[in-house]
PDB file of N, CA and C in Angstrom:
ATOM      1  N   MET A   1      95.436  15.331 -44.022  1.00  0.00           N
ATOM      2  CA  MET A   1      95.877  16.705 -43.976  1.00  0.00           C
ATOM      3  C   MET A   1      96.720  16.992 -45.216  1.00  0.00           C
ATOM      4  N   ILE A   2      96.418  18.084 -45.870  1.00  0.00           N
ATOM      5  CA  ILE A   2      97.166  18.491 -47.064  1.00  0.00           C
ATOM      6  C   ILE A   2      98.137  19.598 -46.677  1.00  0.00           C
ATOM      7  N   TYR A   3      99.402  19.379 -47.000  1.00  0.00           N
ATOM      8  CA  TYR A   3     100.422  20.398 -46.783  1.00  0.00           C
ATOM      9  C   TYR A   3     100.971  20.826 -48.136  1.00  0.00           C
ATOM     10  N   LEU A   4     101.205  22.124 -48.258  1.00  0.00           N
ATOM     11  CA  LEU A   4     101.782  22.669 -49.478  1.00  0.00           C
ATOM     12  C   LEU A   4     103.300  22.674 -49.354  1.00  0.00           C
ATOM     13  N   GLN A   5     103.951  22.752 -50.488  1.00  0.00           N
ATOM     14  CA  GLN A   5     105.413  22.884 -50.466  1.00  0.00           C
ATOM     15  C   GLN A   5     105.736  24.303 -50.022  1.00  0.00           C
ATOM     16  N   ARG A   6     106.493  24.416 -48.949  1.00  0.00           N
ATOM     17  CA  ARG A   6     106.809  25.722 -48.384  1.00  0.00           C
ATOM     18  C   ARG A   6     108.287  26.046 -48.572  1.00  0.00           C
ATOM     19  N   LYS A   7     108.568  27.357 -48.549  1.00  0.00           N
ATOM     20  CA  LYS A   7     109.945  27.851 -48.605  1.00  0.00           C
ATOM     21  C   LYS A   7     110.299  28.429 -47.244  1.00  0.00           C
ATOM     22  N   ALA A   8     111.485  28.106 -46.756  1.00  0.00           N
ATOM     23  CA  ALA A   8     111.965  28.689 -45.509  1.00  0.00           C
ATOM     24  C   ALA A   8     112.125  30.197 -45.693  1.00  0.00           C
ATOM     25  N   VAL A   9     111.771  30.955 -44.661  1.00  0.00           N
ATOM     26  CA  VAL A   9     111.887  32.412 -44.723  1.00  0.00           C
ATOM     27  C   VAL A   9     112.650  32.916 -43.501  1.00  0.00           C
ATOM     28  N   SER A  10     113.193  34.092 -43.634  1.00  0.00           N
ATOM     29  CA  SER A  10     113.883  34.744 -42.526  1.00  0.00           C
ATOM     30  C   SER A  10     112.871  35.603 -41.780  1.00  0.00           C
ATOM     31  N   SER A  11     112.535  35.184 -40.569  1.00  0.00           N
ATOM     32  CA  SER A  11     111.525  35.894 -39.784  1.00  0.00           C
ATOM     33  C   SER A  11     111.647  35.460 -38.329  1.00  0.00           C
ATOM     34  N   ARG A  12     111.264  36.351 -37.417  1.00  0.00           N
ATOM     35  CA  ARG A  12     111.255  35.983 -36.002  1.00  0.00           C
ATOM     36  C   ARG A  12     110.077  35.074 -35.665  1.00  0.00           C
ATOM     37  N   ARG A  13     108.955  35.212 -36.378  1.00  0.00           N
ATOM     38  CA  ARG A  13     107.735  34.456 -36.075  1.00  0.00           C
ATOM     39  C   ARG A  13     107.457  33.305 -37.027  1.00  0.00           C
ATOM     40  N   VAL A  14     107.879  33.443 -38.279  1.00  0.00           N
ATOM     41  CA  VAL A  14     107.471  32.516 -39.341  1.00  0.00           C
ATOM     42  C   VAL A  14     108.657  31.652 -39.771  1.00  0.00           C
ATOM     43  N   ARG A  15     108.417  30.341 -39.874  1.00  0.00           N
ATOM     44  CA  ARG A  15     109.466  29.416 -40.314  1.00  0.00           C
ATOM     45  C   ARG A  15     109.446  29.223 -41.828  1.00  0.00           C
ATOM     46  N   SER A  16     108.231  29.015 -42.395  1.00  0.00           N
ATOM     47  CA  SER A  16     108.146  28.759 -43.838  1.00  0.00           C
ATOM     48  C   SER A  16     106.781  29.167 -44.373  1.00  0.00           C
ATOM     49  N   ILE A  17     106.738  29.426 -45.700  1.00  0.00           N
ATOM     50  CA  ILE A  17     105.523  29.885 -46.374  1.00  0.00           C
ATOM     51  C   ILE A  17     105.411  29.177 -47.719  1.00  0.00           C
ATOM     52  N   GLY A  18     104.204  28.757 -48.055  1.00  0.00           N
ATOM     53  CA  GLY A  18     103.927  28.169 -49.360  1.00  0.00           C
ATOM     54  C   GLY A  18     102.630  28.719 -49.918  1.00  0.00           C
ATOM     55  N   TRP A  19     102.476  28.642 -51.231  1.00  0.00           N
ATOM     56  CA  TRP A  19     101.256  29.138 -51.881  1.00  0.00           C
ATOM     57  C   TRP A  19     100.955  28.259 -53.080  1.00  0.00           C
ATOM     58  N   GLU A  20      99.690  27.875 -53.227  1.00  0.00           N
ATOM     59  CA  GLU A  20      99.246  27.107 -54.381  1.00  0.00           C
ATOM     60  C   GLU A  20      97.733  27.238 -54.504  1.00  0.00           C
ATOM     61  N   ASN A  21      97.255  27.470 -55.735  1.00  0.00           N
ATOM     62  CA  ASN A  21      95.809  27.545 -56.008  1.00  0.00           C
ATOM     63  C   ASN A  21      95.073  28.473 -55.049  1.00  0.00           C
ATOM     64  N   ASN A  22      95.647  29.663 -54.826  1.00  0.00           N
ATOM     65  CA  ASN A  22      95.052  30.697 -53.974  1.00  0.00           C
ATOM     66  C   ASN A  22      94.945  30.310 -52.500  1.00  0.00           C
ATOM     67  N   THR A  23      95.733  29.334 -52.067  1.00  0.00           N
ATOM     68  CA  THR A  23      95.816  28.981 -50.649  1.00  0.00           C
ATOM     69  C   THR A  23      97.239  29.230 -50.180  1.00  0.00           C
ATOM     70  N   LEU A  24      97.348  30.014 -49.125  1.00  0.00           N
ATOM     71  CA  LEU A  24      98.639  30.306 -48.514  1.00  0.00           C
ATOM     72  C   LEU A  24      98.786  29.408 -47.295  1.00  0.00           C
ATOM     73  N   GLU A  25      99.946  28.803 -47.146  1.00  0.00           N
ATOM     74  CA  GLU A  25     100.223  27.993 -45.964  1.00  0.00           C
ATOM     75  C   GLU A  25     101.389  28.623 -45.224  1.00  0.00           C
ATOM     76  N   VAL A  26     101.191  28.854 -43.932  1.00  0.00           N
ATOM     77  CA  VAL A  26     102.215  29.489 -43.105  1.00  0.00           C
ATOM     78  C   VAL A  26     102.539  28.563 -41.937  1.00  0.00           C
ATOM     79  N   GLU A  27     103.813  28.259 -41.789  1.00  0.00           N
ATOM     80  CA  GLU A  27     104.280  27.508 -40.628  1.00  0.00           C
ATOM     81  C   GLU A  27     104.997  28.496 -39.709  1.00  0.00           C
ATOM     82  N   PHE A  28     104.483  28.603 -38.494  1.00  0.00           N
ATOM     83  CA  PHE A  28     105.080  29.498 -37.514  1.00  0.00           C
ATOM     84  C   PHE A  28     106.165  28.762 -36.731  1.00  0.00           C
ATOM     85  N   LYS A  29     107.052  29.507 -36.128  1.00  0.00           N
ATOM     86  CA  LYS A  29     108.164  28.895 -35.393  1.00  0.00           C
ATOM     87  C   LYS A  29     107.700  28.119 -34.169  1.00  0.00           C
ATOM     88  N   ASN A  30     106.486  28.390 -33.684  1.00  0.00           N
ATOM     89  CA  ASN A  30     105.964  27.631 -32.547  1.00  0.00           C
ATOM     90  C   ASN A  30     105.371  26.291 -32.978  1.00  0.00           C
ATOM     91  N   GLY A  31     105.414  25.991 -34.300  1.00  0.00           N
ATOM     92  CA  GLY A  31     104.909  24.724 -34.817  1.00  0.00           C
ATOM     93  C   GLY A  31     103.517  24.784 -35.406  1.00  0.00           C
ATOM     94  N   ASP A  32     102.782  25.862 -35.161  1.00  0.00           N
ATOM     95  CA  ASP A  32     101.438  26.010 -35.733  1.00  0.00           C
ATOM     96  C   ASP A  32     101.525  26.178 -37.243  1.00  0.00           C
ATOM     97  N   ILE A  33     100.552  25.594 -37.965  1.00  0.00           N
ATOM     98  CA  ILE A  33     100.458  25.742 -39.415  1.00  0.00           C
ATOM     99  C   ILE A  33      99.044  26.208 -39.739  1.00  0.00           C
ATOM    100  N   TYR A  34      98.956  27.240 -40.578  1.00  0.00           N
ATOM    101  CA  TYR A  34      97.660  27.811 -40.955  1.00  0.00           C
ATOM    102  C   TYR A  34      97.518  27.852 -42.463  1.00  0.00           C
ATOM    103  N   HIS A  35      96.287  27.688 -42.919  1.00  0.00           N
ATOM    104  CA  HIS A  35      95.925  27.930 -44.316  1.00  0.00           C
ATOM    105  C   HIS A  35      95.114  29.217 -44.377  1.00  0.00           C
ATOM    106  N   TYR A  36      95.455  30.077 -45.340  1.00  0.00           N
ATOM    107  CA  TYR A  36      94.706  31.296 -45.644  1.00  0.00           C
ATOM    108  C   TYR A  36      94.082  31.078 -47.016  1.00  0.00           C
ATOM    109  N   PHE A  37      92.778  31.341 -47.117  1.00  0.00           N
ATOM    110  CA  PHE A  37      92.029  30.974 -48.320  1.00  0.00           C
ATOM    111  C   PHE A  37      91.746  32.166 -49.231  1.00  0.00           C
ATOM    112  N   ASN A  38      91.656  31.876 -50.532  1.00  0.00           N
ATOM    113  CA  ASN A  38      91.338  32.876 -51.572  1.00  0.00           C
ATOM    114  C   ASN A  38      92.334  34.026 -51.585  1.00  0.00           C
ATOM    115  N   LEU A  39      93.588  33.701 -51.340  1.00  0.00           N
ATOM    116  CA  LEU A  39      94.642  34.706 -51.319  1.00  0.00           C
ATOM    117  C   LEU A  39      95.318  34.721 -52.688  1.00  0.00           C
ATOM    118  N   PRO A  40      95.215  35.844 -53.414  1.00  0.00           N
ATOM    119  CA  PRO A  40      95.768  35.902 -54.770  1.00  0.00           C
ATOM    120  C   PRO A  40      97.300  35.873 -54.775  1.00  0.00           C
ATOM    121  N   GLU A  41      97.833  35.525 -55.920  1.00  0.00           N
ATOM    122  CA  GLU A  41      99.281  35.398 -56.058  1.00  0.00           C
ATOM    123  C   GLU A  41     100.008  36.702 -55.763  1.00  0.00           C
ATOM    124  N   TRP A  42      99.394  37.840 -56.121  1.00  0.00           N
ATOM    125  CA  TRP A  42     100.082  39.108 -55.850  1.00  0.00           C
ATOM    126  C   TRP A  42     100.276  39.323 -54.349  1.00  0.00           C
ATOM    127  N   GLU A  43      99.338  38.844 -53.514  1.00  0.00           N
ATOM    128  CA  GLU A  43      99.496  38.960 -52.059  1.00  0.00           C
ATOM    129  C   GLU A  43     100.640  38.065 -51.577  1.00  0.00           C
ATOM    130  N   TYR A  44     100.693  36.847 -52.120  1.00  0.00           N
ATOM    131  CA  TYR A  44     101.798  35.946 -51.783  1.00  0.00           C
ATOM    132  C   TYR A  44     103.136  36.607 -52.133  1.00  0.00           C
ATOM    133  N   ASN A  45     103.230  37.181 -53.319  1.00  0.00           N
ATOM    134  CA  ASN A  45     104.467  37.851 -53.740  1.00  0.00           C
ATOM    135  C   ASN A  45     104.811  39.015 -52.824  1.00  0.00           C
ATOM    136  N   ALA A  46     103.791  39.760 -52.384  1.00  0.00           N
ATOM    137  CA  ALA A  46     104.019  40.884 -51.469  1.00  0.00           C
ATOM    138  C   ALA A  46     104.571  40.392 -50.132  1.00  0.00           C
ATOM    139  N   ILE A  47     104.018  39.287 -49.638  1.00  0.00           N
ATOM    140  CA  ILE A  47     104.506  38.719 -48.378  1.00  0.00           C
ATOM    141  C   ILE A  47     105.940  38.258 -48.524  1.00  0.00           C
ATOM    142  N   MET A  48     106.220  37.529 -49.597  1.00  0.00           N
ATOM    143  CA  MET A  48     107.552  36.965 -49.784  1.00  0.00           C
ATOM    144  C   MET A  48     108.622  38.043 -50.015  1.00  0.00           C
ATOM    145  N   SER A  49     108.236  39.178 -50.580  1.00  0.00           N
ATOM    146  CA  SER A  49     109.218  40.240 -50.826  1.00  0.00           C
ATOM    147  C   SER A  49     109.329  41.222 -49.659  1.00  0.00           C
ATOM    148  N   SER A  50     108.470  41.090 -48.668  1.00  0.00           N
ATOM    149  CA  SER A  50     108.490  41.990 -47.525  1.00  0.00           C
ATOM    150  C   SER A  50     109.663  41.682 -46.602  1.00  0.00           C
ATOM    151  N   SER A  51     110.195  42.718 -45.978  1.00  0.00           N
ATOM    152  CA  SER A  51     111.269  42.520 -45.011  1.00  0.00           C
ATOM    153  C   SER A  51     110.728  42.051 -43.658  1.00  0.00           C
ATOM    154  N   SER A  52     109.389  42.158 -43.469  1.00  0.00           N
ATOM    155  CA  SER A  52     108.764  41.709 -42.222  1.00  0.00           C
ATOM    156  C   SER A  52     107.610  40.766 -42.532  1.00  0.00           C
ATOM    157  N   LYS A  53     107.938  39.484 -42.633  1.00  0.00           N
ATOM    158  CA  LYS A  53     106.912  38.476 -42.950  1.00  0.00           C
ATOM    159  C   LYS A  53     105.830  38.441 -41.863  1.00  0.00           C
ATOM    160  N   GLY A  54     106.233  38.545 -40.595  1.00  0.00           N
ATOM    161  CA  GLY A  54     105.271  38.519 -39.490  1.00  0.00           C
ATOM    162  C   GLY A  54     104.260  39.648 -39.578  1.00  0.00           C
ATOM    163  N   SER A  55     104.716  40.844 -39.935  1.00  0.00           N
ATOM    164  CA  SER A  55     103.802  41.988 -40.087  1.00  0.00           C
ATOM    165  C   SER A  55     102.828  41.764 -41.233  1.00  0.00           C
ATOM    166  N   GLU A  56     103.323  41.196 -42.319  1.00  0.00           N
ATOM    167  CA  GLU A  56     102.450  40.912 -43.462  1.00  0.00           C
ATOM    168  C   GLU A  56     101.402  39.858 -43.099  1.00  0.00           C
ATOM    169  N   ILE A  57     101.789  38.843 -42.336  1.00  0.00           N
ATOM    170  CA  ILE A  57     100.830  37.821 -41.912  1.00  0.00           C
ATOM    171  C   ILE A  57      99.794  38.459 -40.992  1.00  0.00           C
ATOM    172  N   SER A  58     100.199  39.327 -40.093  1.00  0.00           N
ATOM    173  CA  SER A  58      99.244  40.034 -39.231  1.00  0.00           C
ATOM    174  C   SER A  58      98.276  40.870 -40.061  1.00  0.00           C
ATOM    175  N   ARG A  59      98.764  41.466 -41.124  1.00  0.00           N
ATOM    176  CA  ARG A  59      97.902  42.281 -42.000  1.00  0.00           C
ATOM    177  C   ARG A  59      96.863  41.414 -42.696  1.00  0.00           C
ATOM    178  N   ILE A  60      97.276  40.266 -43.240  1.00  0.00           N
ATOM    179  CA  ILE A  60      96.306  39.446 -43.976  1.00  0.00           C
ATOM    180  C   ILE A  60      95.330  38.728 -43.047  1.00  0.00           C
ATOM    181  N   ASP A  61      95.684  38.595 -41.749  1.00  0.00           N
ATOM    182  CA  ASP A  61      94.752  38.019 -40.768  1.00  0.00           C
ATOM    183  C   ASP A  61      93.420  38.763 -40.758  1.00  0.00           C
ATOM    184  N   LYS A  62      93.475  40.054 -41.058  1.00  0.00           N
ATOM    185  CA  LYS A  62      92.274  40.899 -41.012  1.00  0.00           C
ATOM    186  C   LYS A  62      91.495  40.883 -42.320  1.00  0.00           C
ATOM    187  N   ILE A  63      92.061  40.258 -43.369  1.00  0.00           N
ATOM    188  CA  ILE A  63      91.463  40.326 -44.700  1.00  0.00           C
ATOM    189  C   ILE A  63      90.940  38.979 -45.194  1.00  0.00           C
ATOM    190  N   TYR A  64      91.711  37.919 -44.966  1.00  0.00           N
ATOM    191  CA  TYR A  64      91.393  36.605 -45.545  1.00  0.00           C
ATOM    192  C   TYR A  64      90.963  35.603 -44.466  1.00  0.00           C
ATOM    193  N   LEU A  65      90.088  34.689 -44.869  1.00  0.00           N
ATOM    194  CA  LEU A  65      89.701  33.612 -43.983  1.00  0.00           C
ATOM    195  C   LEU A  65      90.885  32.683 -43.796  1.00  0.00           C
ATOM    196  N   TYR A  66      91.047  32.160 -42.594  1.00  0.00           N
ATOM    197  CA  TYR A  66      92.141  31.237 -42.324  1.00  0.00           C
ATOM    198  C   TYR A  66      91.713  30.249 -41.255  1.00  0.00           C
ATOM    199  N   ARG A  67      92.453  29.136 -41.199  1.00  0.00           N
ATOM    200  CA  ARG A  67      92.206  28.151 -40.140  1.00  0.00           C
ATOM    201  C   ARG A  67      93.486  27.366 -39.874  1.00  0.00           C
ATOM    202  N   PRO A  68      93.628  26.890 -38.643  1.00  0.00           N
ATOM    203  CA  PRO A  68      94.785  26.053 -38.330  1.00  0.00           C
ATOM    204  C   PRO A  68      94.636  24.691 -38.982  1.00  0.00           C
ATOM    205  N   ILE A  69      95.742  24.132 -39.439  1.00  0.00           N
ATOM    206  CA  ILE A  69      95.674  22.786 -40.038  1.00  0.00           C
ATOM    207  C   ILE A  69      96.606  21.802 -39.353  1.00  0.00           C
ATOM    208  N   GLY A  70      97.475  22.278 -38.511  1.00  0.00           N
ATOM    209  CA  GLY A  70      98.434  21.358 -37.907  1.00  0.00           C
ATOM    210  C   GLY A  70      98.703  21.659 -36.472  1.00  0.00           C
TER     211      GLY A  70
END
């Protein structure tokens, strides 16, 4: 299993977020970890600068392919 280096974030749903080579990794507070694929850096920056990380993750769920990894 490959894990990316993640940064802790302030969110009710999300514990940490990482991005590398167009793959976003999200660790949720319930322990689930997901990879989102082909996600450009500008989307990562938008998520990280948002005041609601959970809402941004819900938004990208409808746009990018993702799968659980942990």
